[in-house]
Amino acid sequence: MPNPRKNTEVTAIFISEESRLSKITKILGDGGINIEYAYSSAVHVDGKVALILRPSNVEKAEQMLSANGVAVLSLDEISKNFK
């Protein structure tokens, strides 16, 4: 029987005073990127909250966010902070 579980590529970012959700959605919207879903995590680091996004184009979204000063978390950072 096939496994019904499916891995989906997402991106993790930190939301902060400088990188508010409104800034993030504007950056992505201006670039033609849709957010299919998003959820926050219980991870708080130095006053920042981790947000998990499923953008329509993960690679382009990460490039756009990084270019606009939004902290995109690497796999190592996710592993370190999401214990």
PDB file of N, CA and C in Angstrom:
ATOM      1  N   MET A   1       0.845  -1.176   0.000  1.00  0.00           N
ATOM      2  CA  MET A   1       0.000   0.000   0.000  1.00  0.00           C
ATOM      3  C   MET A   1       0.895   1.245   0.000  1.00  0.00           C
ATOM      4  N   PRO A   2       0.637   2.228  -0.865  1.00  0.00           N
ATOM      5  CA  PRO A   2       1.473   3.435  -0.907  1.00  0.00           C
ATOM      6  C   PRO A   2       1.327   4.269   0.356  1.00  0.00           C
ATOM      7  N   ASN A   3       2.414   4.940   0.690  1.00  0.00           N
ATOM      8  CA  ASN A   3       2.427   5.809   1.855  1.00  0.00           C
ATOM      9  C   ASN A   3       1.706   7.114   1.498  1.00  0.00           C
ATOM     10  N   PRO A   4       0.645   7.498   2.215  1.00  0.00           N
ATOM     11  CA  PRO A   4      -0.102   8.711   1.880  1.00  0.00           C
ATOM     12  C   PRO A   4       0.614  10.000   2.288  1.00  0.00           C
ATOM     13  N   ARG A   5       1.677   9.881   3.041  1.00  0.00           N
ATOM     14  CA  ARG A   5       2.406  11.070   3.474  1.00  0.00           C
ATOM     15  C   ARG A   5       3.217  11.637   2.324  1.00  0.00           C
ATOM     16  N   LYS A   6       3.317  12.942   2.312  1.00  0.00           N
ATOM     17  CA  LYS A   6       4.041  13.609   1.233  1.00  0.00           C
ATOM     18  C   LYS A   6       4.871  14.725   1.842  1.00  0.00           C
ATOM     19  N   ASN A   7       6.144  14.784   1.465  1.00  0.00           N
ATOM     20  CA  ASN A   7       6.992  15.889   1.904  1.00  0.00           C
ATOM     21  C   ASN A   7       6.697  17.098   1.039  1.00  0.00           C
ATOM     22  N   THR A   8       6.570  18.242   1.690  1.00  0.00           N
ATOM     23  CA  THR A   8       6.308  19.489   0.989  1.00  0.00           C
ATOM     24  C   THR A   8       7.388  20.481   1.363  1.00  0.00           C
ATOM     25  N   GLU A   9       7.952  21.136   0.375  1.00  0.00           N
ATOM     26  CA  GLU A   9       9.016  22.103   0.623  1.00  0.00           C
ATOM     27  C   GLU A   9       8.410  23.392   1.179  1.00  0.00           C
ATOM     28  N   VAL A  10       8.966  23.837   2.279  1.00  0.00           N
ATOM     29  CA  VAL A  10       8.552  25.080   2.923  1.00  0.00           C
ATOM     30  C   VAL A  10       9.793  25.909   3.218  1.00  0.00           C
ATOM     31  N   THR A  11       9.589  27.119   3.673  1.00  0.00           N
ATOM     32  CA  THR A  11      10.699  27.947   4.116  1.00  0.00           C
ATOM     33  C   THR A  11      10.390  28.449   5.520  1.00  0.00           C
ATOM     34  N   ALA A  12      11.422  28.633   6.297  1.00  0.00           N
ATOM     35  CA  ALA A  12      11.279  29.150   7.662  1.00  0.00           C
ATOM     36  C   ALA A  12      11.974  30.501   7.732  1.00  0.00           C
ATOM     37  N   ILE A  13      11.293  31.458   8.320  1.00  0.00           N
ATOM     38  CA  ILE A  13      11.853  32.798   8.469  1.00  0.00           C
ATOM     39  C   ILE A  13      11.620  33.270   9.890  1.00  0.00           C
ATOM     40  N   PHE A  14      12.328  34.312  10.275  1.00  0.00           N
ATOM     41  CA  PHE A  14      12.083  34.945  11.560  1.00  0.00           C
ATOM     42  C   PHE A  14      11.298  36.226  11.345  1.00  0.00           C
ATOM     43  N   ILE A  15      10.258  36.385  12.137  1.00  0.00           N
ATOM     44  CA  ILE A  15       9.475  37.622  12.146  1.00  0.00           C
ATOM     45  C   ILE A  15      10.005  38.450  13.314  1.00  0.00           C
ATOM     46  N   SER A  16      10.214  39.732  13.080  1.00  0.00           N
ATOM     47  CA  SER A  16      10.715  40.628  14.124  1.00  0.00           C
ATOM     48  C   SER A  16      10.112  42.006  13.913  1.00  0.00           C
ATOM     49  N   GLU A  17      10.510  42.945  14.728  1.00  0.00           N
ATOM     50  CA  GLU A  17      10.036  44.324  14.558  1.00  0.00           C
ATOM     51  C   GLU A  17      10.413  44.856  13.174  1.00  0.00           C
ATOM     52  N   GLU A  18      11.588  44.489  12.686  1.00  0.00           N
ATOM     53  CA  GLU A  18      12.053  44.955  11.380  1.00  0.00           C
ATOM     54  C   GLU A  18      11.442  44.158  10.234  1.00  0.00           C
ATOM     55  N   SER A  19      11.096  42.921  10.481  1.00  0.00           N
ATOM     56  CA  SER A  19      10.553  42.040   9.437  1.00  0.00           C
ATOM     57  C   SER A  19       9.161  41.573   9.839  1.00  0.00           C
ATOM     58  N   ARG A  20       8.232  42.492   9.803  1.00  0.00           N
ATOM     59  CA  ARG A  20       6.850  42.170  10.176  1.00  0.00           C
ATOM     60  C   ARG A  20       6.168  41.377   9.067  1.00  0.00           C
ATOM     61  N   LEU A  21       5.085  40.740   9.435  1.00  0.00           N
ATOM     62  CA  LEU A  21       4.337  39.941   8.473  1.00  0.00           C
ATOM     63  C   LEU A  21       3.861  40.792   7.298  1.00  0.00           C
ATOM     64  N   SER A  22       3.471  42.030   7.559  1.00  0.00           N
ATOM     65  CA  SER A  22       3.011  42.898   6.474  1.00  0.00           C
ATOM     66  C   SER A  22       4.134  43.163   5.467  1.00  0.00           C
ATOM     67  N   LYS A  23       5.366  43.316   5.938  1.00  0.00           N
ATOM     68  CA  LYS A  23       6.510  43.523   5.041  1.00  0.00           C
ATOM     69  C   LYS A  23       6.746  42.272   4.204  1.00  0.00           C
ATOM     70  N   ILE A  24       6.681  41.124   4.847  1.00  0.00           N
ATOM     71  CA  ILE A  24       6.936  39.855   4.173  1.00  0.00           C
ATOM     72  C   ILE A  24       5.896  39.592   3.088  1.00  0.00           C
ATOM     73  N   THR A  25       4.623  39.805   3.402  1.00  0.00           N
ATOM     74  CA  THR A  25       3.573  39.561   2.412  1.00  0.00           C
ATOM     75  C   THR A  25       3.665  40.551   1.252  1.00  0.00           C
ATOM     76  N   LYS A  26       4.078  41.779   1.525  1.00  0.00           N
ATOM     77  CA  LYS A  26       4.235  42.771   0.453  1.00  0.00           C
ATOM     78  C   LYS A  26       5.385  42.377  -0.476  1.00  0.00           C
ATOM     79  N   ILE A  27       6.512  41.983   0.099  1.00  0.00           N
ATOM     80  CA  ILE A  27       7.654  41.559  -0.717  1.00  0.00           C
ATOM     81  C   ILE A  27       7.239  40.419  -1.647  1.00  0.00           C
ATOM     82  N   LEU A  28       6.601  39.416  -1.073  1.00  0.00           N
ATOM     83  CA  LEU A  28       6.210  38.252  -1.871  1.00  0.00           C
ATOM     84  C   LEU A  28       5.133  38.612  -2.890  1.00  0.00           C
ATOM     85  N   GLY A  29       4.138  39.374  -2.477  1.00  0.00           N
ATOM     86  CA  GLY A  29       3.062  39.772  -3.382  1.00  0.00           C
ATOM     87  C   GLY A  29       3.571  40.597  -4.548  1.00  0.00           C
ATOM     88  N   ASP A  30       4.464  41.536  -4.265  1.00  0.00           N
ATOM     89  CA  ASP A  30       5.045  42.362  -5.334  1.00  0.00           C
ATOM     90  C   ASP A  30       5.845  41.521  -6.320  1.00  0.00           C
ATOM     91  N   GLY A  31       6.359  40.394  -5.855  1.00  0.00           N
ATOM     92  CA  GLY A  31       7.134  39.507  -6.726  1.00  0.00           C
ATOM     93  C   GLY A  31       6.295  38.420  -7.375  1.00  0.00           C
ATOM     94  N   GLY A  32       4.978  38.477  -7.188  1.00  0.00           N
ATOM     95  CA  GLY A  32       4.101  37.485  -7.803  1.00  0.00           C
ATOM     96  C   GLY A  32       4.123  36.134  -7.126  1.00  0.00           C
ATOM     97  N   ILE A  33       4.539  36.099  -5.863  1.00  0.00           N
ATOM     98  CA  ILE A  33       4.598  34.849  -5.094  1.00  0.00           C
ATOM     99  C   ILE A  33       3.365  34.760  -4.208  1.00  0.00           C
ATOM    100  N   ASN A  34       2.646  33.655  -4.310  1.00  0.00           N
ATOM    101  CA  ASN A  34       1.496  33.411  -3.429  1.00  0.00           C
ATOM    102  C   ASN A  34       1.945  32.615  -2.217  1.00  0.00           C
ATOM    103  N   ILE A  35       1.301  32.858  -1.088  1.00  0.00           N
ATOM    104  CA  ILE A  35       1.525  32.047   0.113  1.00  0.00           C
ATOM    105  C   ILE A  35       0.392  31.039   0.180  1.00  0.00           C
ATOM    106  N   GLU A  36       0.725  29.779  -0.008  1.00  0.00           N
ATOM    107  CA  GLU A  36      -0.295  28.735   0.013  1.00  0.00           C
ATOM    108  C   GLU A  36      -0.789  28.479   1.433  1.00  0.00           C
ATOM    109  N   TYR A  37       0.136  28.489   2.385  1.00  0.00           N
ATOM    110  CA  TYR A  37      -0.230  28.432   3.799  1.00  0.00           C
ATOM    111  C   TYR A  37       0.947  28.892   4.631  1.00  0.00           C
ATOM    112  N   ALA A  38       0.657  29.226   5.863  1.00  0.00           N
ATOM    113  CA  ALA A  38       1.702  29.667   6.800  1.00  0.00           C
ATOM    114  C   ALA A  38       1.260  29.305   8.212  1.00  0.00           C
ATOM    115  N   TYR A  39       2.225  29.052   9.064  1.00  0.00           N
ATOM    116  CA  TYR A  39       1.921  28.834  10.478  1.00  0.00           C
ATOM    117  C   TYR A  39       3.124  29.258  11.305  1.00  0.00           C
ATOM    118  N   SER A  40       2.841  29.687  12.510  1.00  0.00           N
ATOM    119  CA  SER A  40       3.934  30.086  13.394  1.00  0.00           C
ATOM    120  C   SER A  40       4.361  28.883  14.209  1.00  0.00           C
ATOM    121  N   SER A  41       5.543  28.978  14.764  1.00  0.00           N
ATOM    122  CA  SER A  41       6.048  27.901  15.601  1.00  0.00           C
ATOM    123  C   SER A  41       6.170  28.416  17.033  1.00  0.00           C
ATOM    124  N   ALA A  42       6.492  27.518  17.913  1.00  0.00           N
ATOM    125  CA  ALA A  42       6.699  27.894  19.311  1.00  0.00           C
ATOM    126  C   ALA A  42       8.123  28.369  19.552  1.00  0.00           C
ATOM    127  N   VAL A  43       8.907  28.471  18.488  1.00  0.00           N
ATOM    128  CA  VAL A  43      10.301  28.875  18.608  1.00  0.00           C
ATOM    129  C   VAL A  43      10.395  30.396  18.667  1.00  0.00           C
ATOM    130  N   HIS A  44      10.971  30.889  19.751  1.00  0.00           N
ATOM    131  CA  HIS A  44      11.259  32.317  19.920  1.00  0.00           C
ATOM    132  C   HIS A  44      12.747  32.445  20.213  1.00  0.00           C
ATOM    133  N   VAL A  45      13.451  33.247  19.422  1.00  0.00           N
ATOM    134  CA  VAL A  45      14.876  33.444  19.605  1.00  0.00           C
ATOM    135  C   VAL A  45      15.157  34.937  19.569  1.00  0.00           C
ATOM    136  N   ASP A  46      15.698  35.468  20.650  1.00  0.00           N
ATOM    137  CA  ASP A  46      16.072  36.886  20.719  1.00  0.00           C
ATOM    138  C   ASP A  46      14.943  37.811  20.279  1.00  0.00           C
ATOM    139  N   GLY A  47      13.733  37.559  20.763  1.00  0.00           N
ATOM    140  CA  GLY A  47      12.598  38.420  20.446  1.00  0.00           C
ATOM    141  C   GLY A  47      12.003  38.200  19.065  1.00  0.00           C
ATOM    142  N   LYS A  48      12.453  37.177  18.357  1.00  0.00           N
ATOM    143  CA  LYS A  48      11.936  36.866  17.023  1.00  0.00           C
ATOM    144  C   LYS A  48      11.138  35.569  17.089  1.00  0.00           C
ATOM    145  N   VAL A  49      10.123  35.488  16.253  1.00  0.00           N
ATOM    146  CA  VAL A  49       9.273  34.302  16.182  1.00  0.00           C
ATOM    147  C   VAL A  49       9.486  33.643  14.828  1.00  0.00           C
ATOM    148  N   ALA A  50       9.631  32.333  14.822  1.00  0.00           N
ATOM    149  CA  ALA A  50       9.797  31.606  13.564  1.00  0.00           C
ATOM    150  C   ALA A  50       8.442  31.418  12.889  1.00  0.00           C
ATOM    151  N   LEU A  51       8.412  31.667  11.591  1.00  0.00           N
ATOM    152  CA  LEU A  51       7.215  31.493  10.780  1.00  0.00           C
ATOM    153  C   LEU A  51       7.552  30.520   9.661  1.00  0.00           C
ATOM    154  N   ILE A  52       6.675  29.551   9.450  1.00  0.00           N
ATOM    155  CA  ILE A  52       6.854  28.568   8.395  1.00  0.00           C
ATOM    156  C   ILE A  52       5.911  28.944   7.259  1.00  0.00           C
ATOM    157  N   LEU A  53       6.460  29.069   6.056  1.00  0.00           N
ATOM    158  CA  LEU A  53       5.673  29.462   4.883  1.00  0.00           C
ATOM    159  C   LEU A  53       5.753  28.400   3.803  1.00  0.00           C
ATOM    160  N   ARG A  54       4.667  28.241   3.089  1.00  0.00           N
ATOM    161  CA  ARG A  54       4.657  27.429   1.870  1.00  0.00           C
ATOM    162  C   ARG A  54       4.341  28.390   0.716  1.00  0.00           C
ATOM    163  N   PRO A  55       5.397  29.013   0.162  1.00  0.00           N
ATOM    164  CA  PRO A  55       5.168  29.912  -0.975  1.00  0.00           C
ATOM    165  C   PRO A  55       5.021  29.120  -2.276  1.00  0.00           C
ATOM    166  N   SER A  56       4.419  29.744  -3.267  1.00  0.00           N
ATOM    167  CA  SER A  56       4.226  29.071  -4.549  1.00  0.00           C
ATOM    168  C   SER A  56       5.550  28.771  -5.246  1.00  0.00           C
ATOM    169  N   ASN A  57       6.586  29.532  -4.949  1.00  0.00           N
ATOM    170  CA  ASN A  57       7.926  29.291  -5.498  1.00  0.00           C
ATOM    171  C   ASN A  57       8.917  29.511  -4.355  1.00  0.00           C
ATOM    172  N   VAL A  58       9.336  28.431  -3.718  1.00  0.00           N
ATOM    173  CA  VAL A  58      10.173  28.514  -2.515  1.00  0.00           C
ATOM    174  C   VAL A  58      11.508  29.200  -2.806  1.00  0.00           C
ATOM    175  N   GLU A  59      12.188  28.782  -3.855  1.00  0.00           N
ATOM    176  CA  GLU A  59      13.517  29.340  -4.158  1.00  0.00           C
ATOM    177  C   GLU A  59      13.450  30.845  -4.416  1.00  0.00           C
ATOM    178  N   LYS A  60      12.510  31.265  -5.242  1.00  0.00           N
ATOM    179  CA  LYS A  60      12.361  32.689  -5.551  1.00  0.00           C
ATOM    180  C   LYS A  60      11.963  33.472  -4.299  1.00  0.00           C
ATOM    181  N   ALA A  61      11.074  32.918  -3.489  1.00  0.00           N
ATOM    182  CA  ALA A  61      10.644  33.588  -2.260  1.00  0.00           C
ATOM    183  C   ALA A  61      11.825  33.794  -1.317  1.00  0.00           C
ATOM    184  N   GLU A  62      12.641  32.761  -1.133  1.00  0.00           N
ATOM    185  CA  GLU A  62      13.798  32.881  -0.246  1.00  0.00           C
ATOM    186  C   GLU A  62      14.783  33.932  -0.759  1.00  0.00           C
ATOM    187  N   GLN A  63      15.002  33.963  -2.072  1.00  0.00           N
ATOM    188  CA  GLN A  63      15.897  34.964  -2.645  1.00  0.00           C
ATOM    189  C   GLN A  63      15.356  36.375  -2.417  1.00  0.00           C
ATOM    190  N   MET A  64      14.069  36.562  -2.656  1.00  0.00           N
ATOM    191  CA  MET A  64      13.459  37.885  -2.501  1.00  0.00           C
ATOM    192  C   MET A  64      13.481  38.337  -1.039  1.00  0.00           C
ATOM    193  N   LEU A  65      13.150  37.433  -0.138  1.00  0.00           N
ATOM    194  CA  LEU A  65      13.128  37.785   1.283  1.00  0.00           C
ATOM    195  C   LEU A  65      14.533  38.127   1.771  1.00  0.00           C
ATOM    196  N   SER A  66      15.503  37.305   1.425  1.00  0.00           N
ATOM    197  CA  SER A  66      16.888  37.566   1.834  1.00  0.00           C
ATOM    198  C   SER A  66      17.375  38.907   1.302  1.00  0.00           C
ATOM    199  N   ALA A  67      17.060  39.197   0.037  1.00  0.00           N
ATOM    200  CA  ALA A  67      17.486  40.458  -0.578  1.00  0.00           C
ATOM    201  C   ALA A  67      16.862  41.676   0.100  1.00  0.00           C
ATOM    202  N   ASN A  68      15.758  41.453   0.807  1.00  0.00           N
ATOM    203  CA  ASN A  68      15.063  42.549   1.498  1.00  0.00           C
ATOM    204  C   ASN A  68      15.276  42.516   3.007  1.00  0.00           C
ATOM    205  N   GLY A  69      16.314  41.812   3.450  1.00  0.00           N
ATOM    206  CA  GLY A  69      16.696  41.836   4.857  1.00  0.00           C
ATOM    207  C   GLY A  69      15.906  40.951   5.793  1.00  0.00           C
ATOM    208  N   VAL A  70      15.147  40.001   5.246  1.00  0.00           N
ATOM    209  CA  VAL A  70      14.391  39.065   6.081  1.00  0.00           C
ATOM    210  C   VAL A  70      15.261  37.841   6.326  1.00  0.00           C
ATOM    211  N   ALA A  71      15.380  37.429   7.586  1.00  0.00           N
ATOM    212  CA  ALA A  71      16.212  36.281   7.947  1.00  0.00           C
ATOM    213  C   ALA A  71      15.531  34.983   7.534  1.00  0.00           C
ATOM    214  N   VAL A  72      16.072  34.357   6.485  1.00  0.00           N
ATOM    215  CA  VAL A  72      15.603  33.045   6.041  1.00  0.00           C
ATOM    216  C   VAL A  72      16.490  32.015   6.730  1.00  0.00           C
ATOM    217  N   LEU A  73      15.876  31.060   7.388  1.00  0.00           N
ATOM    218  CA  LEU A  73      16.629  30.085   8.178  1.00  0.00           C
ATOM    219  C   LEU A  73      17.154  28.947   7.308  1.00  0.00           C
ATOM    220  N   SER A  74      18.423  28.608   7.527  1.00  0.00           N
ATOM    221  CA  SER A  74      19.016  27.463   6.846  1.00  0.00           C
ATOM    222  C   SER A  74      18.597  26.182   7.570  1.00  0.00           C
ATOM    223  N   LEU A  75      18.876  25.054   6.947  1.00  0.00           N
ATOM    224  CA  LEU A  75      18.549  23.770   7.575  1.00  0.00           C
ATOM    225  C   LEU A  75      19.280  23.617   8.904  1.00  0.00           C
ATOM    226  N   ASP A  76      20.542  24.066   8.979  1.00  0.00           N
ATOM    227  CA  ASP A  76      21.297  23.998  10.234  1.00  0.00           C
ATOM    228  C   ASP A  76      20.645  24.861  11.318  1.00  0.00           C
ATOM    229  N   GLU A  77      20.210  26.066  10.949  1.00  0.00           N
ATOM    230  CA  GLU A  77      19.552  26.945  11.926  1.00  0.00           C
ATOM    231  C   GLU A  77      18.228  26.363  12.390  1.00  0.00           C
ATOM    232  N   ILE A  78      17.505  25.746  11.476  1.00  0.00           N
ATOM    233  CA  ILE A  78      16.238  25.108  11.852  1.00  0.00           C
ATOM    234  C   ILE A  78      16.514  23.970  12.835  1.00  0.00           C
ATOM    235  N   SER A  79      17.485  23.124  12.519  1.00  0.00           N
ATOM    236  CA  SER A  79      17.831  22.009  13.395  1.00  0.00           C
ATOM    237  C   SER A  79      18.244  22.494  14.777  1.00  0.00           C
ATOM    238  N   LYS A  80      19.010  23.568  14.826  1.00  0.00           N
ATOM    239  CA  LYS A  80      19.501  24.115  16.087  1.00  0.00           C
ATOM    240  C   LYS A  80      18.363  24.693  16.938  1.00  0.00           C
ATOM    241  N   ASN A  81      17.447  25.418  16.302  1.00  0.00           N
ATOM    242  CA  ASN A  81      16.399  26.132  17.026  1.00  0.00           C
ATOM    243  C   ASN A  81      15.114  25.359  17.229  1.00  0.00           C
ATOM    244  N   PHE A  82      14.892  24.322  16.453  1.00  0.00           N
ATOM    245  CA  PHE A  82      13.626  23.582  16.519  1.00  0.00           C
ATOM    246  C   PHE A  82      13.797  22.247  17.221  1.00  0.00           C
ATOM    247  N   LYS A  83      14.485  22.258  18.337  1.00  0.00           N
ATOM    248  CA  LYS A  83      14.675  21.006  19.099  1.00  0.00           C
ATOM    249  C   LYS A  83      13.522  20.770  20.023  1.00  0.00           C
TER     250      LYS A  83
END
